[in-house]
């Protein structure tokens, strides 16, 4: 039964990947076909909620390759959730598919849509990973624990690559990216904190060529907050009354 469910999950991820590739390619082919009306990669669509009253005015929504933002967020959110699956094959494939979609299509996303992706997809991914670390106790020799650590490292690596690749569109969201990287440093789970520290070093090493003075100030401020939050207090060690 478990093998069957894993196969179904794996096939669903593959179907999402194939479907997205087909949609993007189909729209690209239409653009290249001179006899076919030009199809914009980013275009407005008219729609109204299913529960809207009859005669209600349709609202304009943005679409990418013919898919509305809500549809994109739903698909990307499902991939983010499945990328933290305890089954390595499902998690690896989902994470890679999510990364590929953002890498190949992120250049056409608007500033506002990237904001939705960061809060509703990328943050969701790392929240789920943190929860996985804290949800149960692992032994040092547990294979599922080793996979979890590797999966978390891969997620950070791919996120940093996405930020670097689409830096011109994502630079305004640097505080959000730093928060995703830095917050786990304060987590009591030692392995997660170490992975977060390495991710921070990788982020600075890979993206620093694009930093301006404001970006460096944000990096320093993030470090200062972590240092303040993780520095042990000496107050409990000092006796209430000091006798001479």
C-alpha atoms as a PDB file:
ATOM      1  CA  UNK A   1       0.000   0.000   0.000  1.00  0.00           C
ATOM      2  CA  UNK A   2       2.817   2.404   0.932  1.00  0.00           C
ATOM      3  CA  UNK A   3       4.653   1.693  -2.325  1.00  0.00           C
ATOM      4  CA  UNK A   4       1.462   2.354  -4.261  1.00  0.00           C
ATOM      5  CA  UNK A   5       0.880   5.678  -2.498  1.00  0.00           C
ATOM      6  CA  UNK A   6       4.480   6.712  -3.084  1.00  0.00           C
ATOM      7  CA  UNK A   7       4.109   5.952  -6.782  1.00  0.00           C
ATOM      8  CA  UNK A   8       0.929   8.026  -6.953  1.00  0.00           C
ATOM      9  CA  UNK A   9       2.660  10.958  -5.207  1.00  0.00           C
ATOM     10  CA  UNK A  10       5.685  10.692  -7.473  1.00  0.00           C
ATOM     11  CA  UNK A  11       3.515  10.593 -10.584  1.00  0.00           C
ATOM     12  CA  UNK A  12       1.567  13.648  -9.425  1.00  0.00           C
ATOM     13  CA  UNK A  13       4.800  15.649  -9.119  1.00  0.00           C
ATOM     14  CA  UNK A  14       5.885  14.482 -12.565  1.00  0.00           C
ATOM     15  CA  UNK A  15       2.475  15.478 -13.935  1.00  0.00           C
ATOM     16  CA  UNK A  16       2.818  19.006 -12.519  1.00  0.00           C
ATOM     17  CA  UNK A  17       6.263  19.335 -14.058  1.00  0.00           C
ATOM     18  CA  UNK A  18       5.137  18.042 -17.450  1.00  0.00           C
ATOM     19  CA  UNK A  19       2.014  20.199 -17.391  1.00  0.00           C
ATOM     20  CA  UNK A  20       3.931  23.379 -16.618  1.00  0.00           C
ATOM     21  CA  UNK A  21       6.503  22.616 -19.310  1.00  0.00           C
ATOM     22  CA  UNK A  22       3.753  21.965 -21.834  1.00  0.00           C
ATOM     23  CA  UNK A  23       1.929  25.225 -21.030  1.00  0.00           C
ATOM     24  CA  UNK A  24       5.087  27.322 -21.229  1.00  0.00           C
ATOM     25  CA  UNK A  25       6.214  25.663 -24.454  1.00  0.00           C
ATOM     26  CA  UNK A  26       2.773  25.962 -26.036  1.00  0.00           C
ATOM     27  CA  UNK A  27       2.619  29.684 -25.333  1.00  0.00           C
ATOM     28  CA  UNK A  28       6.150  30.099 -26.652  1.00  0.00           C
ATOM     29  CA  UNK A  29       5.241  28.289 -29.861  1.00  0.00           C
ATOM     30  CA  UNK A  30       2.229  30.571 -30.307  1.00  0.00           C
ATOM     31  CA  UNK A  31       4.450  33.629 -30.006  1.00  0.00           C
ATOM     32  CA  UNK A  32       6.779  32.314 -32.702  1.00  0.00           C
ATOM     33  CA  UNK A  33       3.932  31.409 -35.068  1.00  0.00           C
ATOM     34  CA  UNK A  34       3.342  34.449 -37.260  1.00  0.00           C
ATOM     35  CA  UNK A  35      -0.133  33.237 -38.253  1.00  0.00           C
ATOM     36  CA  UNK A  36      -1.236  32.968 -34.611  1.00  0.00           C
ATOM     37  CA  UNK A  37      -2.173  36.092 -32.641  1.00  0.00           C
ATOM     38  CA  UNK A  38       0.575  37.100 -30.238  1.00  0.00           C
ATOM     39  CA  UNK A  39       0.168  35.680 -26.715  1.00  0.00           C
ATOM     40  CA  UNK A  40       1.667  37.739 -23.899  1.00  0.00           C
ATOM     41  CA  UNK A  41       3.595  35.845 -21.231  1.00  0.00           C
ATOM     42  CA  UNK A  42       2.110  38.168 -18.605  1.00  0.00           C
ATOM     43  CA  UNK A  43      -1.419  39.283 -19.369  1.00  0.00           C
ATOM     44  CA  UNK A  44      -4.620  40.410 -17.630  1.00  0.00           C
ATOM     45  CA  UNK A  45      -7.624  38.080 -17.491  1.00  0.00           C
ATOM     46  CA  UNK A  46     -11.197  38.781 -16.483  1.00  0.00           C
ATOM     47  CA  UNK A  47     -12.665  36.526 -13.809  1.00  0.00           C
ATOM     48  CA  UNK A  48     -15.006  36.528 -10.838  1.00  0.00           C
ATOM     49  CA  UNK A  49     -15.307  34.282  -7.774  1.00  0.00           C
ATOM     50  CA  UNK A  50     -17.440  31.168  -8.130  1.00  0.00           C
ATOM     51  CA  UNK A  51     -19.725  32.373  -5.334  1.00  0.00           C
ATOM     52  CA  UNK A  52     -20.177  35.840  -6.830  1.00  0.00           C
ATOM     53  CA  UNK A  53     -23.709  37.070  -7.348  1.00  0.00           C
ATOM     54  CA  UNK A  54     -25.195  37.022 -10.814  1.00  0.00           C
ATOM     55  CA  UNK A  55     -24.351  40.157 -12.700  1.00  0.00           C
ATOM     56  CA  UNK A  56     -21.349  40.907 -10.500  1.00  0.00           C
ATOM     57  CA  UNK A  57     -18.534  42.695 -12.274  1.00  0.00           C
ATOM     58  CA  UNK A  58     -15.567  40.565 -13.270  1.00  0.00           C
ATOM     59  CA  UNK A  59     -12.220  41.501 -11.763  1.00  0.00           C
ATOM     60  CA  UNK A  60      -8.986  41.708 -13.666  1.00  0.00           C
ATOM     61  CA  UNK A  61      -6.355  39.195 -12.589  1.00  0.00           C
ATOM     62  CA  UNK A  62      -2.830  38.621 -13.841  1.00  0.00           C
ATOM     63  CA  UNK A  63      -1.918  35.445 -15.662  1.00  0.00           C
ATOM     64  CA  UNK A  64       1.401  33.921 -16.674  1.00  0.00           C
ATOM     65  CA  UNK A  65       1.403  31.688 -19.743  1.00  0.00           C
ATOM     66  CA  UNK A  66      -2.373  31.610 -19.445  1.00  0.00           C
ATOM     67  CA  UNK A  67      -2.436  30.467 -15.797  1.00  0.00           C
ATOM     68  CA  UNK A  68      -3.741  32.827 -13.119  1.00  0.00           C
ATOM     69  CA  UNK A  69      -1.627  33.729 -10.115  1.00  0.00           C
ATOM     70  CA  UNK A  70      -3.900  31.679  -7.855  1.00  0.00           C
ATOM     71  CA  UNK A  71      -3.292  28.620 -10.012  1.00  0.00           C
ATOM     72  CA  UNK A  72       0.452  29.156  -9.911  1.00  0.00           C
ATOM     73  CA  UNK A  73       0.446  29.594  -6.140  1.00  0.00           C
ATOM     74  CA  UNK A  74      -1.645  26.464  -5.663  1.00  0.00           C
ATOM     75  CA  UNK A  75       0.746  24.339  -7.729  1.00  0.00           C
ATOM     76  CA  UNK A  76       3.898  25.838  -6.224  1.00  0.00           C
ATOM     77  CA  UNK A  77       2.488  25.512  -2.705  1.00  0.00           C
ATOM     78  CA  UNK A  78       1.759  21.809  -3.256  1.00  0.00           C
ATOM     79  CA  UNK A  79       5.328  21.294  -4.463  1.00  0.00           C
ATOM     80  CA  UNK A  80       6.716  23.143  -1.424  1.00  0.00           C
ATOM     81  CA  UNK A  81       4.725  20.893   0.906  1.00  0.00           C
ATOM     82  CA  UNK A  82       5.740  17.710  -0.912  1.00  0.00           C
ATOM     83  CA  UNK A  83       9.381  18.853  -0.890  1.00  0.00           C
ATOM     84  CA  UNK A  84       9.402  18.142   2.857  1.00  0.00           C
ATOM     85  CA  UNK A  85       7.910  14.662   2.495  1.00  0.00           C
ATOM     86  CA  UNK A  86       9.611  11.967   4.564  1.00  0.00           C
ATOM     87  CA  UNK A  87      10.026   9.816   1.439  1.00  0.00           C
ATOM     88  CA  UNK A  88      13.299  10.855  -0.226  1.00  0.00           C
ATOM     89  CA  UNK A  89      12.169  10.187  -3.792  1.00  0.00           C
ATOM     90  CA  UNK A  90       9.070  12.358  -3.410  1.00  0.00           C
ATOM     91  CA  UNK A  91      10.872  15.159  -1.556  1.00  0.00           C
ATOM     92  CA  UNK A  92      13.830  15.311  -3.943  1.00  0.00           C
ATOM     93  CA  UNK A  93      11.664  15.351  -7.048  1.00  0.00           C
ATOM     94  CA  UNK A  94       9.292  17.981  -5.613  1.00  0.00           C
ATOM     95  CA  UNK A  95      12.128  20.264  -4.520  1.00  0.00           C
ATOM     96  CA  UNK A  96      13.866  19.983  -7.880  1.00  0.00           C
ATOM     97  CA  UNK A  97      10.615  20.647  -9.749  1.00  0.00           C
ATOM     98  CA  UNK A  98       9.871  23.712  -7.610  1.00  0.00           C
ATOM     99  CA  UNK A  99      13.402  24.999  -8.168  1.00  0.00           C
ATOM    100  CA  UNK A 100      13.226  24.413 -11.934  1.00  0.00           C
ATOM    101  CA  UNK A 101       9.898  26.211 -12.305  1.00  0.00           C
ATOM    102  CA  UNK A 102      11.094  29.270 -10.354  1.00  0.00           C
ATOM    103  CA  UNK A 103      14.439  29.281 -12.128  1.00  0.00           C
ATOM    104  CA  UNK A 104      13.020  29.064 -15.643  1.00  0.00           C
ATOM    105  CA  UNK A 105       9.951  31.272 -15.231  1.00  0.00           C
ATOM    106  CA  UNK A 106      10.856  33.714 -12.465  1.00  0.00           C
ATOM    107  CA  UNK A 107      12.013  36.352 -14.917  1.00  0.00           C
ATOM    108  CA  UNK A 108       8.435  36.984 -16.111  1.00  0.00           C
ATOM    109  CA  UNK A 109       6.897  37.191 -12.615  1.00  0.00           C
ATOM    110  CA  UNK A 110       5.967  40.649 -11.391  1.00  0.00           C
ATOM    111  CA  UNK A 111       7.288  42.214  -8.191  1.00  0.00           C
ATOM    112  CA  UNK A 112       3.946  41.691  -6.429  1.00  0.00           C
ATOM    113  CA  UNK A 113       3.709  38.068  -7.506  1.00  0.00           C
ATOM    114  CA  UNK A 114       7.219  37.337  -6.250  1.00  0.00           C
ATOM    115  CA  UNK A 115       6.118  38.753  -2.901  1.00  0.00           C
ATOM    116  CA  UNK A 116       3.275  36.227  -2.851  1.00  0.00           C
ATOM    117  CA  UNK A 117       5.646  33.407  -3.798  1.00  0.00           C
ATOM    118  CA  UNK A 118       8.074  34.298  -1.024  1.00  0.00           C
ATOM    119  CA  UNK A 119       5.396  34.465   1.681  1.00  0.00           C
ATOM    120  CA  UNK A 120       3.186  31.637   0.422  1.00  0.00           C
ATOM    121  CA  UNK A 121       5.677  29.184  -1.066  1.00  0.00           C
ATOM    122  CA  UNK A 122       9.309  29.702  -0.069  1.00  0.00           C
ATOM    123  CA  UNK A 123       8.534  30.604   3.548  1.00  0.00           C
ATOM    124  CA  UNK A 124       6.105  27.679   3.692  1.00  0.00           C
ATOM    125  CA  UNK A 125       8.862  25.331   2.541  1.00  0.00           C
ATOM    126  CA  UNK A 126      11.264  26.366   5.300  1.00  0.00           C
ATOM    127  CA  UNK A 127       8.570  26.491   7.961  1.00  0.00           C
ATOM    128  CA  UNK A 128       7.740  22.881   7.093  1.00  0.00           C
ATOM    129  CA  UNK A 129      11.423  21.924   7.256  1.00  0.00           C
ATOM    130  CA  UNK A 130      11.797  23.501  10.702  1.00  0.00           C
ATOM    131  CA  UNK A 131       8.716  21.670  11.887  1.00  0.00           C
ATOM    132  CA  UNK A 132      10.169  18.389  10.596  1.00  0.00           C
ATOM    133  CA  UNK A 133      13.250  18.890  12.782  1.00  0.00           C
ATOM    134  CA  UNK A 134      11.172  19.640  15.853  1.00  0.00           C
ATOM    135  CA  UNK A 135       8.300  17.193  15.365  1.00  0.00           C
ATOM    136  CA  UNK A 136      10.140  14.112  16.595  1.00  0.00           C
ATOM    137  CA  UNK A 137      13.373  12.932  18.143  1.00  0.00           C
ATOM    138  CA  UNK A 138      15.991  11.454  15.838  1.00  0.00           C
ATOM    139  CA  UNK A 139      18.951   9.285  16.663  1.00  0.00           C
ATOM    140  CA  UNK A 140      22.334  10.168  15.190  1.00  0.00           C
ATOM    141  CA  UNK A 141      22.258   7.011  13.050  1.00  0.00           C
ATOM    142  CA  UNK A 142      18.711   7.474  11.807  1.00  0.00           C
ATOM    143  CA  UNK A 143      18.717   7.478   7.988  1.00  0.00           C
ATOM    144  CA  UNK A 144      15.601   9.646   7.856  1.00  0.00           C
ATOM    145  CA  UNK A 145      17.416  12.222   9.993  1.00  0.00           C
ATOM    146  CA  UNK A 146      20.378  12.277   7.619  1.00  0.00           C
ATOM    147  CA  UNK A 147      18.018  12.724   4.683  1.00  0.00           C
ATOM    148  CA  UNK A 148      16.238  15.577   6.465  1.00  0.00           C
ATOM    149  CA  UNK A 149      19.524  17.408   6.993  1.00  0.00           C
ATOM    150  CA  UNK A 150      20.573  16.926   3.368  1.00  0.00           C
ATOM    151  CA  UNK A 151      17.158  18.001   2.131  1.00  0.00           C
ATOM    152  CA  UNK A 152      17.338  21.173   4.208  1.00  0.00           C
ATOM    153  CA  UNK A 153      20.805  21.959   2.849  1.00  0.00           C
ATOM    154  CA  UNK A 154      19.576  21.441  -0.712  1.00  0.00           C
ATOM    155  CA  UNK A 155      16.574  23.691  -0.125  1.00  0.00           C
ATOM    156  CA  UNK A 156      18.806  26.519   1.108  1.00  0.00           C
ATOM    157  CA  UNK A 157      21.234  26.026  -1.759  1.00  0.00           C
ATOM    158  CA  UNK A 158      18.485  26.200  -4.370  1.00  0.00           C
ATOM    159  CA  UNK A 159      16.828  29.208  -2.740  1.00  0.00           C
ATOM    160  CA  UNK A 160      20.130  31.095  -2.742  1.00  0.00           C
ATOM    161  CA  UNK A 161      20.632  30.203  -6.396  1.00  0.00           C
ATOM    162  CA  UNK A 162      17.143  31.530  -7.216  1.00  0.00           C
ATOM    163  CA  UNK A 163      17.872  34.786  -5.375  1.00  0.00           C
ATOM    164  CA  UNK A 164      21.158  35.227  -7.230  1.00  0.00           C
ATOM    165  CA  UNK A 165      19.664  34.361 -10.628  1.00  0.00           C
ATOM    166  CA  UNK A 166      16.710  36.750 -10.267  1.00  0.00           C
ATOM    167  CA  UNK A 167      18.499  39.320  -8.111  1.00  0.00           C
ATOM    168  CA  UNK A 168      17.211  42.294 -10.088  1.00  0.00           C
ATOM    169  CA  UNK A 169      13.655  41.328  -9.142  1.00  0.00           C
ATOM    170  CA  UNK A 170      14.334  39.937  -5.675  1.00  0.00           C
ATOM    171  CA  UNK A 171      16.730  42.509  -4.203  1.00  0.00           C
ATOM    172  CA  UNK A 172      13.839  44.360  -2.549  1.00  0.00           C
ATOM    173  CA  UNK A 173      12.983  41.139  -0.690  1.00  0.00           C
ATOM    174  CA  UNK A 174      16.398  40.717   0.864  1.00  0.00           C
ATOM    175  CA  UNK A 175      15.017  41.184   4.423  1.00  0.00           C
ATOM    176  CA  UNK A 176      12.588  38.302   3.840  1.00  0.00           C
ATOM    177  CA  UNK A 177      15.327  36.034   2.492  1.00  0.00           C
ATOM    178  CA  UNK A 178      17.653  36.928   5.352  1.00  0.00           C
ATOM    179  CA  UNK A 179      14.886  36.191   7.836  1.00  0.00           C
ATOM    180  CA  UNK A 180      14.317  32.743   6.325  1.00  0.00           C
ATOM    181  CA  UNK A 181      18.039  32.004   6.610  1.00  0.00           C
ATOM    182  CA  UNK A 182      18.829  33.637   9.942  1.00  0.00           C
ATOM    183  CA  UNK A 183      15.830  32.754  12.120  1.00  0.00           C
ATOM    184  CA  UNK A 184      16.716  29.036  12.377  1.00  0.00           C
ATOM    185  CA  UNK A 185      20.075  30.024  13.903  1.00  0.00           C
ATOM    186  CA  UNK A 186      18.118  30.696  17.089  1.00  0.00           C
ATOM    187  CA  UNK A 187      16.448  27.293  16.943  1.00  0.00           C
ATOM    188  CA  UNK A 188      17.341  25.009  19.874  1.00  0.00           C
ATOM    189  CA  UNK A 189      17.879  22.178  17.416  1.00  0.00           C
ATOM    190  CA  UNK A 190      21.652  22.226  16.940  1.00  0.00           C
ATOM    191  CA  UNK A 191      21.754  20.583  13.494  1.00  0.00           C
ATOM    192  CA  UNK A 192      19.241  23.029  12.046  1.00  0.00           C
ATOM    193  CA  UNK A 193      21.139  25.975  13.519  1.00  0.00           C
ATOM    194  CA  UNK A 194      24.395  24.735  11.951  1.00  0.00           C
ATOM    195  CA  UNK A 195      22.731  24.301   8.549  1.00  0.00           C
ATOM    196  CA  UNK A 196      21.351  27.840   8.825  1.00  0.00           C
ATOM    197  CA  UNK A 197      24.784  29.252   9.633  1.00  0.00           C
ATOM    198  CA  UNK A 198      26.315  27.523   6.612  1.00  0.00           C
ATOM    199  CA  UNK A 199      23.459  28.815   4.448  1.00  0.00           C
ATOM    200  CA  UNK A 200      24.116  32.352   5.653  1.00  0.00           C
ATOM    201  CA  UNK A 201      27.805  32.049   4.760  1.00  0.00           C
ATOM    202  CA  UNK A 202      26.863  30.681   1.331  1.00  0.00           C
ATOM    203  CA  UNK A 203      24.349  33.486   0.771  1.00  0.00           C
ATOM    204  CA  UNK A 204      26.924  36.193   1.507  1.00  0.00           C
ATOM    205  CA  UNK A 205      29.643  34.458  -0.530  1.00  0.00           C
ATOM    206  CA  UNK A 206      27.427  34.036  -3.598  1.00  0.00           C
ATOM    207  CA  UNK A 207      25.356  37.198  -3.557  1.00  0.00           C
ATOM    208  CA  UNK A 208      27.747  39.781  -2.050  1.00  0.00           C
ATOM    209  CA  UNK A 209      28.961  40.971  -5.492  1.00  0.00           C
ATOM    210  CA  UNK A 210      25.481  42.484  -5.896  1.00  0.00           C
ATOM    211  CA  UNK A 211      25.415  44.134  -2.461  1.00  0.00           C
ATOM    212  CA  UNK A 212      25.286  47.875  -2.057  1.00  0.00           C
ATOM    213  CA  UNK A 213      25.761  49.736   1.222  1.00  0.00           C
ATOM    214  CA  UNK A 214      22.142  49.178   2.291  1.00  0.00           C
ATOM    215  CA  UNK A 215      22.405  45.443   1.629  1.00  0.00           C
ATOM    216  CA  UNK A 216      25.556  45.162   3.740  1.00  0.00           C
ATOM    217  CA  UNK A 217      23.834  47.068   6.540  1.00  0.00           C
ATOM    218  CA  UNK A 218      20.974  44.562   6.453  1.00  0.00           C
ATOM    219  CA  UNK A 219      23.418  41.676   6.679  1.00  0.00           C
ATOM    220  CA  UNK A 220      25.165  43.244   9.665  1.00  0.00           C
ATOM    221  CA  UNK A 221      21.850  44.014  11.381  1.00  0.00           C
ATOM    222  CA  UNK A 222      20.755  40.398  10.928  1.00  0.00           C
ATOM    223  CA  UNK A 223      23.955  39.159  12.533  1.00  0.00           C
ATOM    224  CA  UNK A 224      23.630  41.597  15.410  1.00  0.00           C
ATOM    225  CA  UNK A 225      20.099  40.364  16.157  1.00  0.00           C
ATOM    226  CA  UNK A 226      21.246  36.732  16.142  1.00  0.00           C
ATOM    227  CA  UNK A 227      24.182  37.508  18.426  1.00  0.00           C
ATOM    228  CA  UNK A 228      21.929  39.342  20.866  1.00  0.00           C
ATOM    229  CA  UNK A 229      19.343  36.570  20.830  1.00  0.00           C
ATOM    230  CA  UNK A 230      21.823  33.732  21.297  1.00  0.00           C
ATOM    231  CA  UNK A 231      24.268  35.265  23.767  1.00  0.00           C
ATOM    232  CA  UNK A 232      23.720  33.551  27.141  1.00  0.00           C
ATOM    233  CA  UNK A 233      22.753  35.760  30.030  1.00  0.00           C
ATOM    234  CA  UNK A 234      25.131  35.946  33.011  1.00  0.00           C
ATOM    235  CA  UNK A 235      22.447  37.153  35.411  1.00  0.00           C
ATOM    236  CA  UNK A 236      21.473  33.647  36.639  1.00  0.00           C
ATOM    237  CA  UNK A 237      25.137  32.990  37.460  1.00  0.00           C
ATOM    238  CA  UNK A 238      25.485  36.054  39.691  1.00  0.00           C
ATOM    239  CA  UNK A 239      24.385  35.580  43.304  1.00  0.00           C
ATOM    240  CA  UNK A 240      21.599  37.834  44.541  1.00  0.00           C
ATOM    241  CA  UNK A 241      23.747  38.921  47.436  1.00  0.00           C
ATOM    242  CA  UNK A 242      27.478  39.353  47.255  1.00  0.00           C
ATOM    243  CA  UNK A 243      29.181  39.158  50.636  1.00  0.00           C
ATOM    244  CA  UNK A 244      32.514  40.817  51.318  1.00  0.00           C
END
